[in-house]
Structure formats: structure tokens, C-alpha cells
Amino acid sequence: MAAITSLGESGLSEPAARPRAIQGRRRRRLNLFRYLVFTVSGLFFLLPLLATARFSLEGNRLGTWSLSAWKEIVTYKGPPPLLSAVEIQLELVVLTCVGVLVLLVPTMVWIRLRVQWISRVFEFLCLLPLTIPAIVLVVGLAPVYNFIRRSQLSTLELFWAYVILALPYAYRALSAGLTAIDVTTMSEAARSLGASWFTVITRVIVPNIRQAILNAMVLAAALVLGEFTIAYLLLYNNLPVTLFFISRSTPNASVIFSTSLASLLFAFGLLLILAYAGRRRHRGRG
């Protein structure tokens, strides 16, 4: 009897153990593939940065190291001044993010609740800037900015153009967040309790798409930090244009690599702070 029982247990446990073994092997293969992809991707992005850092620290003589290129960037007085360009760039990031969110969030909620038939047209209009080259945008925007310049405004005027450029990326991020929730049910429940439309958007919809809003802000900020063509052709001095002038003001080749690396590090640091602060705040409230 004991032999039959042990045989039955072994016969039952062996088929049950096979799927677990197969799943374990698949999981190990998947983890190995992930590690391989992350390693290759990391090397793809890290090696050019290391090469740029190496050439930015190259001295006047071969095989020597020097911080002279970085000192030229820090001590650059302009025109335009470097600190002023950094301040303007941060202000452009804030204005662009606020403008994109104020323009898109209420409009997309209203379209989903009232006029879904126009969603395709609105999506086409938001994605249209992706298909237009920057030089064509400059040709179209130049007369407008020539008229705006008569009022003697600052470089912050650029945020109007940056809002247009950021529309495709912010729209995709916000669309994914709104698709993940039931906007109609939430808004109808809030309205039945006496909430106004402003309360529905700010206290019901926005908290549920906080991660999508953060993603849209990160994408818009990344675009503003790296945009050079429109600012340069419209004769505005933002941070990328200022770094370009610094690299042209000296015959030292290391300064070119230093300005490129400084721009990348500034953008990466700001985006990292923005993403970390948003997630930290979300966890604290949760």
C-alpha cells in the first residue's frame, strides 16, 4: 500500500514539476535577454559620452589633461551671458510645460466627453508638427516673431513655438493616461455630486493621470532643452545658442566637446530631477 501511495505521489508530482521547470528556464532566458539588451543599450549611450568627456579634458599637448576648456565655459561673460542663458532656458521649460498642459488637458477631456467624433482631427493637428521640418517652421514663424519683436519682449517669446513643437509628444503621453481611466464615469459621478467642470478636471481627472502629465512634462522639457534651430535662425539667445557661441569664440577644440557635454549633462540632470520629484511626490501622497 505504501509503495502504491509513493508511486502515485511521484506520478502526480512529476507532471506538475515539468511546467514549473519550463517556466523557470523561460524566466532565466528572459532575464538574460533583458540584461543583454540593457548592457548593449547602456554601452551605446555611455561610450560616446565617455569619449566626449575624454576629449573635453585634453590639454594643449598630446597625452596631457587640463580643465581649461571647462574654465572657459564657466568664465564666459558673453554676449550673451551664460548664467542669463541658463535662467532663460529654465523659464522656457516652465512656460512650455504649463502652456502644453493648459492647452491639451481640458481640450482632450472635453473631446472625450462631448465630441468624440472630432478626436481624429484633433490628433492629426497635434501630430502635424512632426511632419514639418524646423526650417519650414522658421519660415512660417519669422513674420509673426518680427511683428512680436516690435513690443521689445525677451527670448521667452520662444515658448509659443516650443508649445507647438511639443504638442505631438505631450499628446501621446496624455492620450495614454486618459485611455487608462474611465473619464466619462468619473466626470458624471463628480457632476452628480455637484462638482463644477473645473473641479472635475483639477480634482478628479488630473490626479488619476498624474503619471501621464509627468511624462508629458518630461518630453516637453527635453525638447526645449535641446532645441537649437528655431532659436538660432530667429536670432534668440537660449542656452544651446549660447553654448554654440562659446564653442565658436575660441580656437581650442576641447571647448567644442565641453560645450556639447555640458549641454547633455544639464538636460539630463534637469530631466532626472523633474522625473524623480514627480514620482517622490506621488509616493508621498499615496
Protein backbone atom coordinates (compact mmCIF):
# COMPACT_ATOMS: atom_id res chain seq x y z
CA MET A 1 0.00 0.00 0.00
CA ALA A 2 2.84 2.35 0.88
CA ALA A 3 4.55 1.54 -2.42
CA ILE A 4 1.34 2.34 -4.36
CA THR A 5 0.95 5.60 -2.47
CA SER A 6 4.53 6.67 -3.13
CA LEU A 7 4.17 5.72 -6.78
CA GLY A 8 1.00 7.76 -7.06
CA GLU A 9 2.60 10.80 -5.44
CA SER A 10 5.66 10.58 -7.67
CA GLY A 11 3.44 10.16 -10.73
CA LEU A 12 1.39 13.21 -9.80
CA SER A 13 4.30 15.42 -8.79
CA GLU A 14 6.41 14.78 -11.89
CA PRO A 15 3.89 16.23 -14.43
CA ALA A 16 3.28 19.20 -12.14
CA ALA A 17 7.01 19.86 -11.83
CA ARG A 18 7.63 19.93 -15.57
CA PRO A 19 5.70 23.17 -16.30
CA ARG A 20 7.46 24.84 -13.38
CA ALA A 21 10.84 23.79 -14.73
CA ILE A 22 9.92 25.03 -18.19
CA GLN A 23 8.71 28.37 -16.75
CA GLY A 24 11.92 28.67 -14.74
CA ARG A 25 14.05 28.17 -17.85
CA ARG A 26 11.97 30.69 -19.79
CA ARG A 27 12.28 33.20 -16.96
CA ARG A 28 16.06 32.79 -16.86
CA ARG A 29 16.30 33.21 -20.63
CA LEU A 30 14.11 36.32 -20.47
CA ASN A 31 16.23 37.82 -17.68
CA LEU A 32 19.39 37.05 -19.63
CA PHE A 33 17.92 38.73 -22.70
CA ARG A 34 16.95 41.78 -20.64
CA TYR A 35 20.41 42.10 -19.12
CA LEU A 36 21.97 41.77 -22.56
CA VAL A 37 19.71 44.45 -24.07
CA PHE A 38 20.29 46.84 -21.16
CA THR A 39 24.04 46.30 -21.32
CA VAL A 40 24.24 46.90 -25.08
CA SER A 41 21.95 49.96 -24.83
CA GLY A 42 23.97 51.35 -21.93
CA LEU A 43 27.24 50.96 -23.81
CA PHE A 44 25.68 52.52 -26.92
CA PHE A 45 24.84 55.69 -24.97
CA LEU A 46 27.70 55.68 -22.47
CA LEU A 47 30.70 55.19 -24.77
CA PRO A 48 30.11 58.39 -26.83
CA LEU A 49 29.70 60.36 -23.59
CA LEU A 50 32.95 58.95 -22.22
CA ALA A 51 34.72 59.78 -25.47
CA THR A 52 33.36 63.33 -25.35
CA ALA A 53 34.47 63.71 -21.74
CA ARG A 54 37.93 62.40 -22.62
CA PHE A 55 38.42 64.91 -25.46
CA SER A 56 37.00 67.77 -23.35
CA LEU A 57 39.75 67.15 -20.77
CA GLU A 58 42.55 67.02 -23.32
CA GLY A 59 45.36 69.52 -22.80
CA ASN A 60 47.30 71.51 -25.35
CA ARG A 61 49.93 68.78 -25.62
CA LEU A 62 49.17 65.21 -26.56
CA GLY A 63 48.69 62.95 -23.56
CA THR A 64 48.10 65.76 -21.05
CA TRP A 65 44.94 66.57 -19.11
CA SER A 66 43.53 70.01 -18.43
CA LEU A 67 40.35 71.73 -17.22
CA SER A 68 40.99 74.82 -19.33
CA ALA A 69 38.05 74.10 -21.65
CA TRP A 70 35.62 73.87 -18.74
CA LYS A 71 37.09 77.02 -17.21
CA GLU A 72 36.38 78.91 -20.43
CA ILE A 73 32.74 77.84 -20.25
CA VAL A 74 32.36 78.84 -16.59
CA THR A 75 34.14 82.17 -17.00
CA TYR A 76 32.38 83.10 -20.26
CA LYS A 77 30.88 86.57 -19.90
CA GLY A 78 29.08 86.85 -23.22
CA PRO A 79 27.41 88.24 -25.03
CA PRO A 80 25.12 86.55 -24.23
CA PRO A 81 25.99 85.78 -20.58
CA LEU A 82 25.94 82.10 -19.69
CA LEU A 83 24.01 82.44 -16.42
CA SER A 84 21.38 84.55 -18.14
CA ALA A 85 21.01 81.87 -20.82
CA VAL A 86 20.56 79.15 -18.17
CA GLU A 87 17.90 81.24 -16.42
CA ILE A 88 16.07 81.87 -19.68
CA GLN A 89 16.22 78.18 -20.59
CA LEU A 90 14.67 77.15 -17.27
CA GLU A 91 11.93 79.74 -17.69
CA LEU A 92 11.25 78.45 -21.20
CA VAL A 93 10.92 74.91 -19.81
CA VAL A 94 8.37 76.03 -17.22
CA LEU A 95 6.35 78.16 -19.65
CA THR A 96 6.30 75.44 -22.29
CA CYS A 97 5.19 72.72 -19.87
CA VAL A 98 2.45 74.92 -18.42
CA GLY A 99 1.29 76.04 -21.86
CA VAL A 100 1.12 72.50 -23.22
CA LEU A 101 -0.81 71.18 -20.21
CA VAL A 102 -3.25 74.10 -20.11
CA LEU A 103 -3.90 73.70 -23.83
CA LEU A 104 -4.18 69.92 -24.04
CA VAL A 105 -5.66 68.57 -20.80
CA PRO A 106 -9.01 70.46 -20.81
CA THR A 107 -9.34 70.07 -24.58
CA MET A 108 -8.71 66.32 -24.57
CA VAL A 109 -11.12 65.77 -21.66
CA TRP A 110 -13.80 67.83 -23.39
CA ILE A 111 -13.34 65.90 -26.64
CA ARG A 112 -13.66 62.54 -24.87
CA LEU A 113 -16.82 63.65 -23.05
CA ARG A 114 -18.65 65.70 -25.67
CA VAL A 115 -17.30 65.48 -29.22
CA GLN A 116 -15.52 62.17 -29.74
CA TRP A 117 -16.13 62.41 -33.48
CA ILE A 118 -13.51 65.18 -33.70
CA SER A 119 -10.80 63.20 -31.87
CA ARG A 120 -9.15 62.01 -35.10
CA VAL A 121 -8.97 65.55 -36.47
CA PHE A 122 -7.53 66.83 -33.19
CA GLU A 123 -4.97 64.02 -33.14
CA PHE A 124 -3.94 64.87 -36.69
CA LEU A 125 -3.49 68.55 -35.79
CA CYS A 126 -1.39 67.68 -32.71
CA LEU A 127 0.84 65.28 -34.63
CA LEU A 128 1.25 67.61 -37.60
CA PRO A 129 4.38 69.40 -36.26
CA LEU A 130 6.27 66.10 -36.52
CA THR A 131 5.92 66.18 -40.30
CA ILE A 132 7.07 69.79 -40.76
CA PRO A 133 10.85 70.43 -40.82
CA ALA A 134 12.23 73.03 -38.45
CA ILE A 135 13.43 75.26 -41.28
CA VAL A 136 9.89 75.37 -42.70
CA LEU A 137 8.51 76.29 -39.28
CA VAL A 138 11.05 79.12 -39.06
CA VAL A 139 9.96 80.48 -42.44
CA GLY A 140 6.35 80.49 -41.26
CA LEU A 141 7.10 81.86 -37.79
CA ALA A 142 9.55 84.58 -38.88
CA PRO A 143 6.89 87.17 -39.88
CA VAL A 144 5.00 86.54 -36.65
CA TYR A 145 8.09 87.00 -34.50
CA ASN A 146 9.16 90.07 -36.45
CA PHE A 147 5.82 91.61 -35.51
CA ILE A 148 6.15 90.49 -31.87
CA ARG A 149 9.66 91.98 -31.62
CA ARG A 150 8.23 95.47 -32.03
CA SER A 151 6.95 95.27 -28.45
CA GLN A 152 10.53 94.67 -27.17
CA LEU A 153 9.86 91.34 -25.44
CA SER A 154 12.54 88.86 -24.38
CA THR A 155 13.65 85.42 -25.50
CA LEU A 156 10.69 83.99 -23.59
CA GLU A 157 8.67 84.62 -26.73
CA LEU A 158 10.08 81.34 -27.99
CA PHE A 159 7.77 79.33 -25.75
CA TRP A 160 4.93 79.83 -28.26
CA ALA A 161 6.92 77.96 -30.90
CA TYR A 162 8.05 75.36 -28.36
CA VAL A 163 4.45 74.64 -27.36
CA ILE A 164 3.71 73.81 -30.99
CA LEU A 165 6.77 71.57 -31.25
CA ALA A 166 5.91 69.74 -28.00
CA LEU A 167 2.28 69.03 -28.96
CA PRO A 168 2.88 65.59 -30.59
CA TYR A 169 4.87 64.19 -27.68
CA ALA A 170 2.64 65.59 -24.95
CA TYR A 171 -0.50 64.47 -26.79
CA ARG A 172 0.68 60.85 -26.96
CA ALA A 173 1.58 60.80 -23.27
CA LEU A 174 -1.72 62.35 -22.17
CA SER A 175 -3.74 60.17 -24.53
CA ALA A 176 -2.27 57.03 -22.98
CA GLY A 177 -3.17 58.28 -19.50
CA LEU A 178 -6.75 59.20 -20.42
CA THR A 179 -7.28 55.87 -22.17
CA ALA A 180 -6.31 54.00 -19.00
CA ILE A 181 -9.16 55.54 -16.95
CA ASP A 182 -12.92 55.85 -17.42
CA VAL A 183 -13.22 59.60 -17.92
CA THR A 184 -16.96 59.51 -18.59
CA THR A 185 -17.92 57.63 -15.42
CA MET A 186 -15.63 59.74 -13.22
CA SER A 187 -16.90 63.03 -14.60
CA GLU A 188 -20.57 62.01 -14.42
CA ALA A 189 -20.16 60.84 -10.81
CA ALA A 190 -18.47 64.10 -9.84
CA ARG A 191 -21.08 66.19 -11.65
CA SER A 192 -23.91 64.30 -9.95
CA LEU A 193 -22.39 65.30 -6.60
CA GLY A 194 -22.46 68.97 -7.57
CA ALA A 195 -18.86 69.48 -8.73
CA SER A 196 -18.13 72.10 -11.36
CA TRP A 197 -16.25 71.29 -14.55
CA PHE A 198 -13.15 73.00 -13.18
CA THR A 199 -13.32 70.77 -10.08
CA VAL A 200 -13.87 67.70 -12.23
CA ILE A 201 -10.72 68.37 -14.24
CA THR A 202 -8.45 69.57 -11.42
CA ARG A 203 -9.55 67.24 -8.58
CA VAL A 204 -10.86 64.16 -10.38
CA ILE A 205 -9.22 63.74 -13.79
CA VAL A 206 -5.78 65.27 -13.19
CA PRO A 207 -4.90 63.18 -10.07
CA ASN A 208 -5.71 59.99 -11.99
CA ILE A 209 -3.45 60.90 -14.92
CA ARG A 210 -0.60 62.31 -12.83
CA GLN A 211 1.97 59.93 -14.34
CA ALA A 212 0.86 60.81 -17.88
CA ILE A 213 1.17 64.52 -17.05
CA LEU A 214 4.66 63.93 -15.68
CA ASN A 215 5.65 62.06 -18.84
CA ALA A 216 4.31 64.91 -20.99
CA MET A 217 6.28 67.44 -18.94
CA VAL A 218 9.50 65.43 -19.26
CA LEU A 219 9.09 65.13 -23.04
CA ALA A 220 8.31 68.85 -23.42
CA ALA A 221 11.26 69.81 -21.22
CA ALA A 222 13.60 67.54 -23.20
CA LEU A 223 12.51 69.20 -26.44
CA VAL A 224 13.04 72.71 -25.07
CA LEU A 225 16.46 71.89 -23.64
CA GLY A 226 17.73 70.51 -26.94
CA GLU A 227 16.12 72.91 -29.42
CA PHE A 228 18.66 74.99 -31.35
CA THR A 229 17.50 75.58 -34.92
CA ILE A 230 14.48 77.81 -34.34
CA ALA A 231 16.18 79.93 -31.67
CA TYR A 232 19.31 80.42 -33.77
CA LEU A 233 17.50 81.28 -37.01
CA LEU A 234 15.10 83.65 -35.24
CA LEU A 235 18.08 85.38 -33.56
CA TYR A 236 17.23 84.47 -29.97
CA ASN A 237 19.84 83.51 -27.40
CA ASN A 238 18.85 80.47 -25.38
CA LEU A 239 21.25 78.01 -23.74
CA PRO A 240 22.08 75.86 -26.84
CA VAL A 241 22.74 79.04 -28.87
CA THR A 242 24.95 80.44 -26.12
CA LEU A 243 26.96 77.22 -25.92
CA PHE A 244 27.33 77.37 -29.70
CA PHE A 245 28.73 80.90 -29.44
CA ILE A 246 31.14 79.77 -26.71
CA SER A 247 32.46 76.98 -28.93
CA ARG A 248 32.98 79.45 -31.80
CA SER A 249 34.69 82.09 -29.67
CA THR A 250 37.82 80.02 -29.06
CA PRO A 251 40.18 78.05 -31.31
CA ASN A 252 40.53 75.37 -28.62
CA ALA A 253 38.90 72.18 -29.95
CA SER A 254 38.33 70.86 -26.42
CA VAL A 255 35.80 73.63 -25.81
CA ILE A 256 33.56 72.17 -28.53
CA PHE A 257 33.44 68.82 -26.75
CA SER A 258 33.00 70.56 -23.40
CA THR A 259 30.01 72.59 -24.55
CA SER A 260 28.37 69.50 -26.05
CA LEU A 261 28.88 67.50 -22.88
CA ALA A 262 27.76 70.42 -20.69
CA SER A 263 24.52 70.71 -22.66
CA LEU A 264 23.84 66.98 -22.35
CA LEU A 265 24.61 66.91 -18.63
CA PHE A 266 22.43 69.96 -17.96
CA ALA A 267 19.48 68.44 -19.82
CA PHE A 268 19.95 65.02 -18.24
CA GLY A 269 20.23 66.46 -14.75
CA LEU A 270 17.13 68.64 -15.10
CA LEU A 271 15.04 65.78 -16.54
CA LEU A 272 16.23 63.45 -13.78
CA ILE A 273 15.23 65.98 -11.11
CA LEU A 274 11.85 66.51 -12.75
CA ALA A 275 11.09 62.79 -13.02
CA TYR A 276 12.36 61.99 -9.51
CA ALA A 277 10.50 64.88 -7.89
CA GLY A 278 7.24 63.89 -9.59
CA ARG A 279 7.49 60.26 -8.52
CA ARG A 280 8.60 61.17 -5.00
CA ARG A 281 5.61 63.48 -4.63
CA HIS A 282 3.27 60.82 -5.97
CA ARG A 283 4.57 58.22 -3.49
CA GLY A 284 4.30 60.68 -0.62
CA ARG A 285 0.65 61.33 -1.35
CA GLY A 286 0.00 57.64 -1.89
